[in-house]
């Protein structure tokens, strides 16, 4: 099926183990700007093709293995105009069943009085996040390995209960990450990421802690937030029917209190990190990250460091 804003073609498959060289799909040719692939839910994989302009799927078929060639999935794309593209998109939406939403089982009420910390390894599955300077190291792998270590350390202290939004290479939509924490009445939500700077932007290193703000703290912050907020688009999710935030005075009051707790935790975290790891020269920042928008759960996003720095 196709998606607009930006123009994409999405191919859903049963779960596939992709064994392709690093960098496959980073660039395309003709109508194809780039493509990506990966797990999008348990039992399901996805290929998302970014198109340079509106396209029409002319043909799609599979050729069986023959004459020494492997089986092939063939997709013929033809350029079209936006009006035709949107008309086809509307027809597809009528016939296409709604996307299956993978949600974890409803949490059981706990009699354990210890505060619950939700650890959120960013990205996952089809959304690899950024890549290291050699193109081999993927952000989703770094943050998952770190998150598992962090979970073990927190549990070992005996002071906290810990839940993770993902424990494997699965894609989780941004809104689902927020709901995961809210459904469990989490005392704290910590989202883990790894930063990147392109060569033309120079070099940087060190960890950074972000809190939510519509007024970004510096020029770099909104660019990063914009990139991180595109996770659902990267995974080929249709956001056209996503509900807008409810403007309610009680929610606003709760957000103010939550924001204060988030800032307080962020300052404490940076202070602790300074004593043991390298932090960015301006380690406390803020920007409009979607994953930090729970009105009732103090939340921070930690950029562990710059994978663009060796």
C-alpha atoms as a PDB file:
ATOM      1  CA  UNK A   1       0.000   0.000   0.000  1.00  0.00           C
ATOM      2  CA  UNK A   2       1.009   3.664  -0.335  1.00  0.00           C
ATOM      3  CA  UNK A   3       1.265   6.523   2.169  1.00  0.00           C
ATOM      4  CA  UNK A   4       1.549  10.276   1.689  1.00  0.00           C
ATOM      5  CA  UNK A   5       3.492  13.095   3.370  1.00  0.00           C
ATOM      6  CA  UNK A   6       6.109  11.888   2.549  1.00  0.00           C
ATOM      7  CA  UNK A   7       5.368   9.585  -0.384  1.00  0.00           C
ATOM      8  CA  UNK A   8       6.004   5.974   0.597  1.00  0.00           C
ATOM      9  CA  UNK A   9       5.267   2.444  -0.620  1.00  0.00           C
ATOM     10  CA  UNK A  10       4.888  -0.167   2.113  1.00  0.00           C
ATOM     11  CA  UNK A  11       5.288  -3.932   1.678  1.00  0.00           C
ATOM     12  CA  UNK A  12       4.198  -6.158   4.582  1.00  0.00           C
ATOM     13  CA  UNK A  13       5.614  -9.667   4.881  1.00  0.00           C
ATOM     14  CA  UNK A  14       5.566 -12.521   7.372  1.00  0.00           C
ATOM     15  CA  UNK A  15       8.520 -12.247   9.761  1.00  0.00           C
ATOM     16  CA  UNK A  16      11.732 -12.264   7.736  1.00  0.00           C
ATOM     17  CA  UNK A  17      15.361 -12.456   8.793  1.00  0.00           C
ATOM     18  CA  UNK A  18      16.978  -9.847   6.550  1.00  0.00           C
ATOM     19  CA  UNK A  19      20.615 -10.719   5.808  1.00  0.00           C
ATOM     20  CA  UNK A  20      21.758  -7.795   3.679  1.00  0.00           C
ATOM     21  CA  UNK A  21      25.023  -5.839   3.674  1.00  0.00           C
ATOM     22  CA  UNK A  22      25.330  -2.694   5.802  1.00  0.00           C
ATOM     23  CA  UNK A  23      24.106   0.370   3.907  1.00  0.00           C
ATOM     24  CA  UNK A  24      21.592  -1.548   1.778  1.00  0.00           C
ATOM     25  CA  UNK A  25      18.756   0.819   0.949  1.00  0.00           C
ATOM     26  CA  UNK A  26      20.487   3.982   2.133  1.00  0.00           C
ATOM     27  CA  UNK A  27      20.201   5.352  -1.384  1.00  0.00           C
ATOM     28  CA  UNK A  28      18.159   4.441  -4.439  1.00  0.00           C
ATOM     29  CA  UNK A  29      17.726   5.521  -8.035  1.00  0.00           C
ATOM     30  CA  UNK A  30      14.956   6.637 -10.340  1.00  0.00           C
ATOM     31  CA  UNK A  31      11.690   6.996  -8.449  1.00  0.00           C
ATOM     32  CA  UNK A  32      13.156   5.337  -5.333  1.00  0.00           C
ATOM     33  CA  UNK A  33      14.957   7.711  -2.979  1.00  0.00           C
ATOM     34  CA  UNK A  34      15.833   5.028  -0.383  1.00  0.00           C
ATOM     35  CA  UNK A  35      14.314   2.029   1.361  1.00  0.00           C
ATOM     36  CA  UNK A  36      14.501   0.305   4.732  1.00  0.00           C
ATOM     37  CA  UNK A  37      13.401  -3.009   6.173  1.00  0.00           C
ATOM     38  CA  UNK A  38      12.977  -4.787   9.464  1.00  0.00           C
ATOM     39  CA  UNK A  39      10.641  -6.180  12.076  1.00  0.00           C
ATOM     40  CA  UNK A  40       7.535  -4.066  12.627  1.00  0.00           C
ATOM     41  CA  UNK A  41       5.621  -6.362  15.000  1.00  0.00           C
ATOM     42  CA  UNK A  42       5.840  -9.896  16.344  1.00  0.00           C
ATOM     43  CA  UNK A  43       5.513 -12.189  13.335  1.00  0.00           C
ATOM     44  CA  UNK A  44       5.568  -9.361  10.799  1.00  0.00           C
ATOM     45  CA  UNK A  45       8.283  -7.616   8.805  1.00  0.00           C
ATOM     46  CA  UNK A  46       8.060  -4.575   6.560  1.00  0.00           C
ATOM     47  CA  UNK A  47       9.839  -2.878   3.680  1.00  0.00           C
ATOM     48  CA  UNK A  48       9.256   0.875   3.361  1.00  0.00           C
ATOM     49  CA  UNK A  49      10.252   2.570   0.106  1.00  0.00           C
ATOM     50  CA  UNK A  50      10.680   6.361   0.054  1.00  0.00           C
ATOM     51  CA  UNK A  51       9.568   7.723  -3.326  1.00  0.00           C
ATOM     52  CA  UNK A  52      10.940  10.915  -4.854  1.00  0.00           C
ATOM     53  CA  UNK A  53       7.479  11.873  -6.159  1.00  0.00           C
ATOM     54  CA  UNK A  54       3.925  10.431  -6.280  1.00  0.00           C
ATOM     55  CA  UNK A  55       3.970   6.871  -7.647  1.00  0.00           C
ATOM     56  CA  UNK A  56       1.486   4.222  -8.696  1.00  0.00           C
ATOM     57  CA  UNK A  57       2.016   0.508  -8.073  1.00  0.00           C
ATOM     58  CA  UNK A  58       1.697  -0.842 -11.605  1.00  0.00           C
ATOM     59  CA  UNK A  59       2.520  -4.491 -10.900  1.00  0.00           C
ATOM     60  CA  UNK A  60       3.624  -6.607  -7.963  1.00  0.00           C
ATOM     61  CA  UNK A  61       4.378 -10.317  -8.151  1.00  0.00           C
ATOM     62  CA  UNK A  62       6.800 -13.004  -6.975  1.00  0.00           C
ATOM     63  CA  UNK A  63       9.028 -15.066  -9.247  1.00  0.00           C
ATOM     64  CA  UNK A  64       9.993 -18.497  -7.967  1.00  0.00           C
ATOM     65  CA  UNK A  65      13.638 -19.493  -7.832  1.00  0.00           C
ATOM     66  CA  UNK A  66      14.767 -20.724 -11.279  1.00  0.00           C
ATOM     67  CA  UNK A  67      17.864 -21.029 -13.487  1.00  0.00           C
ATOM     68  CA  UNK A  68      20.233 -20.380 -10.612  1.00  0.00           C
ATOM     69  CA  UNK A  69      18.414 -17.183  -9.579  1.00  0.00           C
ATOM     70  CA  UNK A  70      16.808 -16.796  -6.153  1.00  0.00           C
ATOM     71  CA  UNK A  71      13.104 -16.105  -5.695  1.00  0.00           C
ATOM     72  CA  UNK A  72      12.341 -12.456  -6.424  1.00  0.00           C
ATOM     73  CA  UNK A  73       9.732  -9.959  -5.303  1.00  0.00           C
ATOM     74  CA  UNK A  74       9.073  -7.639  -8.232  1.00  0.00           C
ATOM     75  CA  UNK A  75       7.445  -4.243  -7.762  1.00  0.00           C
ATOM     76  CA  UNK A  76       6.859  -1.938 -10.738  1.00  0.00           C
ATOM     77  CA  UNK A  77       6.376   1.717  -9.787  1.00  0.00           C
ATOM     78  CA  UNK A  78       5.164   4.330 -12.257  1.00  0.00           C
ATOM     79  CA  UNK A  79       5.272   8.103 -11.742  1.00  0.00           C
ATOM     80  CA  UNK A  80       1.898   9.784 -11.301  1.00  0.00           C
ATOM     81  CA  UNK A  81       0.493  13.142 -10.127  1.00  0.00           C
ATOM     82  CA  UNK A  82      -0.493  13.999  -6.541  1.00  0.00           C
ATOM     83  CA  UNK A  83      -4.225  14.084  -7.263  1.00  0.00           C
ATOM     84  CA  UNK A  84      -4.174  10.537  -8.691  1.00  0.00           C
ATOM     85  CA  UNK A  85      -1.903   9.367  -5.864  1.00  0.00           C
ATOM     86  CA  UNK A  86      -4.275  10.695  -3.177  1.00  0.00           C
ATOM     87  CA  UNK A  87      -7.302   9.184  -4.942  1.00  0.00           C
ATOM     88  CA  UNK A  88      -5.604   5.769  -4.998  1.00  0.00           C
ATOM     89  CA  UNK A  89      -4.586   6.206  -1.376  1.00  0.00           C
ATOM     90  CA  UNK A  90      -8.213   6.849  -0.357  1.00  0.00           C
ATOM     91  CA  UNK A  91      -9.335   3.691  -2.189  1.00  0.00           C
ATOM     92  CA  UNK A  92      -6.586   1.641  -0.546  1.00  0.00           C
ATOM     93  CA  UNK A  93      -7.580   2.927   2.900  1.00  0.00           C
ATOM     94  CA  UNK A  94     -11.170   1.780   2.348  1.00  0.00           C
ATOM     95  CA  UNK A  95     -10.134  -1.748   1.451  1.00  0.00           C
ATOM     96  CA  UNK A  96      -7.154  -2.100   3.792  1.00  0.00           C
ATOM     97  CA  UNK A  97      -7.894  -3.479   7.275  1.00  0.00           C
ATOM     98  CA  UNK A  98      -6.730  -1.216  10.121  1.00  0.00           C
ATOM     99  CA  UNK A  99      -3.137  -1.707  11.173  1.00  0.00           C
ATOM    100  CA  UNK A 100      -2.751  -4.259  13.940  1.00  0.00           C
ATOM    101  CA  UNK A 101      -1.601  -2.555  17.076  1.00  0.00           C
ATOM    102  CA  UNK A 102       0.692  -4.655  19.207  1.00  0.00           C
ATOM    103  CA  UNK A 103       0.187  -3.806  22.852  1.00  0.00           C
ATOM    104  CA  UNK A 104       1.490  -5.571  25.890  1.00  0.00           C
ATOM    105  CA  UNK A 105      -0.889  -7.319  28.231  1.00  0.00           C
ATOM    106  CA  UNK A 106      -2.626  -5.018  30.687  1.00  0.00           C
ATOM    107  CA  UNK A 107      -0.390  -4.613  33.722  1.00  0.00           C
ATOM    108  CA  UNK A 108      -1.514  -6.261  36.936  1.00  0.00           C
ATOM    109  CA  UNK A 109      -1.957  -3.996  39.935  1.00  0.00           C
ATOM    110  CA  UNK A 110       1.114  -4.375  42.113  1.00  0.00           C
ATOM    111  CA  UNK A 111       1.197  -4.441  45.897  1.00  0.00           C
ATOM    112  CA  UNK A 112       4.907  -3.639  45.714  1.00  0.00           C
ATOM    113  CA  UNK A 113       5.293  -0.076  47.067  1.00  0.00           C
ATOM    114  CA  UNK A 114       8.624   0.554  45.322  1.00  0.00           C
ATOM    115  CA  UNK A 115       8.504   3.198  42.549  1.00  0.00           C
ATOM    116  CA  UNK A 116       8.348   1.896  38.985  1.00  0.00           C
ATOM    117  CA  UNK A 117      10.904   3.129  36.439  1.00  0.00           C
ATOM    118  CA  UNK A 118      10.132   2.565  32.761  1.00  0.00           C
ATOM    119  CA  UNK A 119      13.293   2.239  30.665  1.00  0.00           C
ATOM    120  CA  UNK A 120      12.675   2.938  26.983  1.00  0.00           C
ATOM    121  CA  UNK A 121      15.365   1.842  24.489  1.00  0.00           C
ATOM    122  CA  UNK A 122      14.708   4.090  21.487  1.00  0.00           C
ATOM    123  CA  UNK A 123      14.027   2.853  17.952  1.00  0.00           C
ATOM    124  CA  UNK A 124      13.936  -0.897  17.160  1.00  0.00           C
ATOM    125  CA  UNK A 125      12.893  -3.212  14.353  1.00  0.00           C
ATOM    126  CA  UNK A 126      12.530  -1.409  11.034  1.00  0.00           C
ATOM    127  CA  UNK A 127      13.560   1.859  12.738  1.00  0.00           C
ATOM    128  CA  UNK A 128      17.324   1.483  13.192  1.00  0.00           C
ATOM    129  CA  UNK A 129      17.909   5.018  14.423  1.00  0.00           C
ATOM    130  CA  UNK A 130      21.162   6.629  13.445  1.00  0.00           C
ATOM    131  CA  UNK A 131      24.347   4.740  12.514  1.00  0.00           C
ATOM    132  CA  UNK A 132      27.936   5.068  13.648  1.00  0.00           C
ATOM    133  CA  UNK A 133      30.671   6.706  11.601  1.00  0.00           C
ATOM    134  CA  UNK A 134      31.462   3.433   9.804  1.00  0.00           C
ATOM    135  CA  UNK A 135      27.805   2.597   9.097  1.00  0.00           C
ATOM    136  CA  UNK A 136      28.074  -0.694  11.002  1.00  0.00           C
ATOM    137  CA  UNK A 137      26.890   0.323  14.482  1.00  0.00           C
ATOM    138  CA  UNK A 138      23.153   0.957  14.774  1.00  0.00           C
ATOM    139  CA  UNK A 139      21.644   3.146  17.470  1.00  0.00           C
ATOM    140  CA  UNK A 140      18.836   0.663  18.207  1.00  0.00           C
ATOM    141  CA  UNK A 141      21.402  -2.003  19.188  1.00  0.00           C
ATOM    142  CA  UNK A 142      23.530   0.307  21.349  1.00  0.00           C
ATOM    143  CA  UNK A 143      20.582   1.609  23.363  1.00  0.00           C
ATOM    144  CA  UNK A 144      19.030  -1.836  23.867  1.00  0.00           C
ATOM    145  CA  UNK A 145      22.287  -3.281  25.220  1.00  0.00           C
ATOM    146  CA  UNK A 146      22.667  -0.259  27.510  1.00  0.00           C
ATOM    147  CA  UNK A 147      19.017  -0.470  28.649  1.00  0.00           C
ATOM    148  CA  UNK A 148      19.365  -4.133  29.646  1.00  0.00           C
ATOM    149  CA  UNK A 149      22.461  -3.286  31.715  1.00  0.00           C
ATOM    150  CA  UNK A 150      20.655  -0.343  33.299  1.00  0.00           C
ATOM    151  CA  UNK A 151      17.628  -2.492  34.156  1.00  0.00           C
ATOM    152  CA  UNK A 152      19.853  -5.082  35.844  1.00  0.00           C
ATOM    153  CA  UNK A 153      21.651  -2.408  37.886  1.00  0.00           C
ATOM    154  CA  UNK A 154      18.419  -0.755  39.015  1.00  0.00           C
ATOM    155  CA  UNK A 155      16.848  -4.085  40.004  1.00  0.00           C
ATOM    156  CA  UNK A 156      20.033  -5.115  41.801  1.00  0.00           C
ATOM    157  CA  UNK A 157      19.754  -2.043  44.033  1.00  0.00           C
ATOM    158  CA  UNK A 158      16.468  -3.420  45.388  1.00  0.00           C
ATOM    159  CA  UNK A 159      14.971   0.085  45.500  1.00  0.00           C
ATOM    160  CA  UNK A 160      12.936   0.063  42.304  1.00  0.00           C
ATOM    161  CA  UNK A 161      10.676  -1.955  40.061  1.00  0.00           C
ATOM    162  CA  UNK A 162      11.675  -1.731  36.383  1.00  0.00           C
ATOM    163  CA  UNK A 163       9.701  -2.250  33.162  1.00  0.00           C
ATOM    164  CA  UNK A 164      11.064  -1.941  29.613  1.00  0.00           C
ATOM    165  CA  UNK A 165       9.155  -0.826  26.535  1.00  0.00           C
ATOM    166  CA  UNK A 166      11.127  -3.375  24.501  1.00  0.00           C
ATOM    167  CA  UNK A 167      13.595  -6.130  25.360  1.00  0.00           C
ATOM    168  CA  UNK A 168      14.323  -7.235  21.795  1.00  0.00           C
ATOM    169  CA  UNK A 169      14.613  -5.817  18.281  1.00  0.00           C
ATOM    170  CA  UNK A 170      10.950  -4.776  18.003  1.00  0.00           C
ATOM    171  CA  UNK A 171       9.432  -1.584  16.667  1.00  0.00           C
ATOM    172  CA  UNK A 172       7.264   0.337  19.173  1.00  0.00           C
ATOM    173  CA  UNK A 173       5.314   3.396  18.047  1.00  0.00           C
ATOM    174  CA  UNK A 174       6.056   6.596  19.957  1.00  0.00           C
ATOM    175  CA  UNK A 175       2.540   6.932  21.364  1.00  0.00           C
ATOM    176  CA  UNK A 176       2.619   3.321  22.581  1.00  0.00           C
ATOM    177  CA  UNK A 177       5.813   4.017  24.535  1.00  0.00           C
ATOM    178  CA  UNK A 178       4.112   6.882  26.361  1.00  0.00           C
ATOM    179  CA  UNK A 179       0.968   4.815  27.048  1.00  0.00           C
ATOM    180  CA  UNK A 180       3.104   1.933  28.334  1.00  0.00           C
ATOM    181  CA  UNK A 181       4.398   4.179  31.135  1.00  0.00           C
ATOM    182  CA  UNK A 182       1.021   5.780  31.872  1.00  0.00           C
ATOM    183  CA  UNK A 183      -0.853   2.461  32.070  1.00  0.00           C
ATOM    184  CA  UNK A 184       1.600   1.286  34.722  1.00  0.00           C
ATOM    185  CA  UNK A 185       1.506   4.511  36.754  1.00  0.00           C
ATOM    186  CA  UNK A 186       5.264   4.836  36.340  1.00  0.00           C
ATOM    187  CA  UNK A 187       7.137   7.145  38.684  1.00  0.00           C
ATOM    188  CA  UNK A 188       9.720   7.891  35.983  1.00  0.00           C
ATOM    189  CA  UNK A 189      10.189   7.340  32.231  1.00  0.00           C
ATOM    190  CA  UNK A 190      13.725   7.299  30.814  1.00  0.00           C
ATOM    191  CA  UNK A 191      14.109   7.111  27.019  1.00  0.00           C
ATOM    192  CA  UNK A 192      17.575   6.125  25.779  1.00  0.00           C
ATOM    193  CA  UNK A 193      19.112   7.263  22.490  1.00  0.00           C
ATOM    194  CA  UNK A 194      22.504   7.909  20.882  1.00  0.00           C
ATOM    195  CA  UNK A 195      23.203  11.196  19.141  1.00  0.00           C
ATOM    196  CA  UNK A 196      24.802  11.902  15.751  1.00  0.00           C
ATOM    197  CA  UNK A 197      26.383  14.876  13.992  1.00  0.00           C
ATOM    198  CA  UNK A 198      27.111  14.909  10.275  1.00  0.00           C
ATOM    199  CA  UNK A 199      30.688  15.774   9.295  1.00  0.00           C
ATOM    200  CA  UNK A 200      29.762  19.223   8.023  1.00  0.00           C
ATOM    201  CA  UNK A 201      28.412  20.064  11.496  1.00  0.00           C
ATOM    202  CA  UNK A 202      31.750  19.334  13.160  1.00  0.00           C
ATOM    203  CA  UNK A 203      32.470  16.944  16.010  1.00  0.00           C
ATOM    204  CA  UNK A 204      30.860  16.535  19.431  1.00  0.00           C
ATOM    205  CA  UNK A 205      30.956  14.056  22.261  1.00  0.00           C
ATOM    206  CA  UNK A 206      29.419  13.394  25.642  1.00  0.00           C
ATOM    207  CA  UNK A 207      26.008  12.560  27.056  1.00  0.00           C
ATOM    208  CA  UNK A 208      23.019  14.921  27.103  1.00  0.00           C
ATOM    209  CA  UNK A 209      19.755  14.875  29.066  1.00  0.00           C
ATOM    210  CA  UNK A 210      16.624  16.353  27.461  1.00  0.00           C
ATOM    211  CA  UNK A 211      13.327  17.410  28.976  1.00  0.00           C
ATOM    212  CA  UNK A 212      10.162  18.414  27.135  1.00  0.00           C
ATOM    213  CA  UNK A 213       9.727  21.958  25.911  1.00  0.00           C
ATOM    214  CA  UNK A 214       8.153  23.511  22.836  1.00  0.00           C
ATOM    215  CA  UNK A 215      10.855  26.176  23.054  1.00  0.00           C
ATOM    216  CA  UNK A 216      14.041  24.323  22.170  1.00  0.00           C
ATOM    217  CA  UNK A 217      17.103  25.146  24.244  1.00  0.00           C
ATOM    218  CA  UNK A 218      19.464  25.638  21.278  1.00  0.00           C
ATOM    219  CA  UNK A 219      19.712  25.284  17.497  1.00  0.00           C
ATOM    220  CA  UNK A 220      20.708  21.612  17.617  1.00  0.00           C
ATOM    221  CA  UNK A 221      17.849  20.505  19.904  1.00  0.00           C
ATOM    222  CA  UNK A 222      14.876  20.991  17.523  1.00  0.00           C
ATOM    223  CA  UNK A 223      16.706  19.182  14.711  1.00  0.00           C
ATOM    224  CA  UNK A 224      17.270  16.197  16.981  1.00  0.00           C
ATOM    225  CA  UNK A 225      13.675  16.216  18.247  1.00  0.00           C
ATOM    226  CA  UNK A 226      12.371  16.428  14.687  1.00  0.00           C
ATOM    227  CA  UNK A 227      14.484  13.413  13.688  1.00  0.00           C
ATOM    228  CA  UNK A 228      13.406  11.360  16.706  1.00  0.00           C
ATOM    229  CA  UNK A 229       9.734  12.276  16.204  1.00  0.00           C
ATOM    230  CA  UNK A 230       9.796  10.703  12.728  1.00  0.00           C
ATOM    231  CA  UNK A 231      10.071   7.137  14.065  1.00  0.00           C
ATOM    232  CA  UNK A 232       6.460   6.300  13.144  1.00  0.00           C
ATOM    233  CA  UNK A 233       6.901   7.713   9.622  1.00  0.00           C
ATOM    234  CA  UNK A 234      10.082   5.647   9.216  1.00  0.00           C
ATOM    235  CA  UNK A 235       8.138   2.504  10.117  1.00  0.00           C
ATOM    236  CA  UNK A 236       5.467   3.242   7.504  1.00  0.00           C
ATOM    237  CA  UNK A 237       2.647   4.114   9.902  1.00  0.00           C
ATOM    238  CA  UNK A 238      -0.283   6.203   8.660  1.00  0.00           C
ATOM    239  CA  UNK A 239      -0.574   9.196  11.008  1.00  0.00           C
ATOM    240  CA  UNK A 240      -3.401  10.949   9.178  1.00  0.00           C
ATOM    241  CA  UNK A 241      -6.050   9.868  11.710  1.00  0.00           C
ATOM    242  CA  UNK A 242      -3.950  10.316  14.833  1.00  0.00           C
ATOM    243  CA  UNK A 243      -5.930  12.242  17.449  1.00  0.00           C
ATOM    244  CA  UNK A 244      -4.616  15.621  18.488  1.00  0.00           C
ATOM    245  CA  UNK A 245      -3.738  16.323  22.123  1.00  0.00           C
ATOM    246  CA  UNK A 246      -6.727  17.061  24.325  1.00  0.00           C
ATOM    247  CA  UNK A 247      -6.601  20.684  25.480  1.00  0.00           C
ATOM    248  CA  UNK A 248      -7.857  20.419  29.036  1.00  0.00           C
ATOM    249  CA  UNK A 249      -7.038  22.641  31.983  1.00  0.00           C
ATOM    250  CA  UNK A 250      -6.596  19.680  34.361  1.00  0.00           C
ATOM    251  CA  UNK A 251      -4.169  18.017  31.957  1.00  0.00           C
ATOM    252  CA  UNK A 252      -2.305  21.305  31.700  1.00  0.00           C
ATOM    253  CA  UNK A 253      -2.002  21.565  35.494  1.00  0.00           C
ATOM    254  CA  UNK A 254      -0.755  17.980  35.708  1.00  0.00           C
ATOM    255  CA  UNK A 255       1.771  18.722  32.964  1.00  0.00           C
ATOM    256  CA  UNK A 256       3.176  21.671  34.901  1.00  0.00           C
ATOM    257  CA  UNK A 257       3.818  19.569  37.983  1.00  0.00           C
ATOM    258  CA  UNK A 258       5.238  16.715  35.893  1.00  0.00           C
ATOM    259  CA  UNK A 259       7.500  19.152  34.061  1.00  0.00           C
ATOM    260  CA  UNK A 260       8.946  20.367  37.366  1.00  0.00           C
ATOM    261  CA  UNK A 261       9.672  16.797  38.479  1.00  0.00           C
ATOM    262  CA  UNK A 262      11.269  16.055  35.091  1.00  0.00           C
ATOM    263  CA  UNK A 263      13.584  19.092  35.336  1.00  0.00           C
ATOM    264  CA  UNK A 264      14.486  18.203  38.910  1.00  0.00           C
ATOM    265  CA  UNK A 265      15.419  14.639  37.920  1.00  0.00           C
ATOM    266  CA  UNK A 266      17.347  15.825  34.836  1.00  0.00           C
ATOM    267  CA  UNK A 267      19.494  18.155  36.937  1.00  0.00           C
ATOM    268  CA  UNK A 268      20.205  15.392  39.454  1.00  0.00           C
ATOM    269  CA  UNK A 269      21.048  12.925  36.687  1.00  0.00           C
ATOM    270  CA  UNK A 270      23.518  15.287  34.998  1.00  0.00           C
ATOM    271  CA  UNK A 271      25.154  15.973  38.362  1.00  0.00           C
ATOM    272  CA  UNK A 272      25.627  12.221  38.962  1.00  0.00           C
ATOM    273  CA  UNK A 273      26.865  11.561  35.422  1.00  0.00           C
ATOM    274  CA  UNK A 274      29.525  14.271  35.625  1.00  0.00           C
ATOM    275  CA  UNK A 275      31.318  12.257  38.296  1.00  0.00           C
ATOM    276  CA  UNK A 276      31.713   9.128  36.175  1.00  0.00           C
ATOM    277  CA  UNK A 277      31.342   9.781  32.425  1.00  0.00           C
ATOM    278  CA  UNK A 278      31.975  12.454  29.832  1.00  0.00           C
ATOM    279  CA  UNK A 279      29.007  14.750  29.389  1.00  0.00           C
ATOM    280  CA  UNK A 280      28.347  17.282  26.638  1.00  0.00           C
ATOM    281  CA  UNK A 281      29.592  20.829  27.306  1.00  0.00           C
ATOM    282  CA  UNK A 282      25.896  21.855  27.595  1.00  0.00           C
ATOM    283  CA  UNK A 283      24.369  18.650  28.988  1.00  0.00           C
ATOM    284  CA  UNK A 284      20.929  19.966  30.037  1.00  0.00           C
ATOM    285  CA  UNK A 285      18.694  20.646  27.037  1.00  0.00           C
ATOM    286  CA  UNK A 286      15.028  20.715  26.071  1.00  0.00           C
ATOM    287  CA  UNK A 287      12.972  20.186  22.910  1.00  0.00           C
ATOM    288  CA  UNK A 288       9.584  18.924  21.718  1.00  0.00           C
ATOM    289  CA  UNK A 289      10.087  15.150  21.857  1.00  0.00           C
ATOM    290  CA  UNK A 290       6.801  13.250  21.395  1.00  0.00           C
ATOM    291  CA  UNK A 291       8.005  10.462  23.643  1.00  0.00           C
ATOM    292  CA  UNK A 292       8.209  12.854  26.633  1.00  0.00           C
ATOM    293  CA  UNK A 293       4.591  14.053  26.410  1.00  0.00           C
ATOM    294  CA  UNK A 294       2.948  11.983  29.182  1.00  0.00           C
ATOM    295  CA  UNK A 295       1.125  14.589  31.293  1.00  0.00           C
ATOM    296  CA  UNK A 296       1.440  12.564  34.495  1.00  0.00           C
ATOM    297  CA  UNK A 297       4.801  10.731  34.264  1.00  0.00           C
ATOM    298  CA  UNK A 298       8.073  12.642  34.799  1.00  0.00           C
ATOM    299  CA  UNK A 299      10.128  11.900  31.674  1.00  0.00           C
ATOM    300  CA  UNK A 300      13.609  12.503  30.317  1.00  0.00           C
ATOM    301  CA  UNK A 301      15.412  11.518  27.140  1.00  0.00           C
ATOM    302  CA  UNK A 302      19.092  10.615  27.528  1.00  0.00           C
ATOM    303  CA  UNK A 303      21.432  10.834  24.540  1.00  0.00           C
ATOM    304  CA  UNK A 304      24.226   8.502  25.679  1.00  0.00           C
ATOM    305  CA  UNK A 305      26.804  10.072  23.388  1.00  0.00           C
ATOM    306  CA  UNK A 306      27.612  10.755  19.738  1.00  0.00           C
ATOM    307  CA  UNK A 307      27.975   7.648  17.560  1.00  0.00           C
ATOM    308  CA  UNK A 308      29.531   9.949  14.938  1.00  0.00           C
ATOM    309  CA  UNK A 309      32.511  10.334  17.297  1.00  0.00           C
ATOM    310  CA  UNK A 310      34.962   7.418  17.251  1.00  0.00           C
END
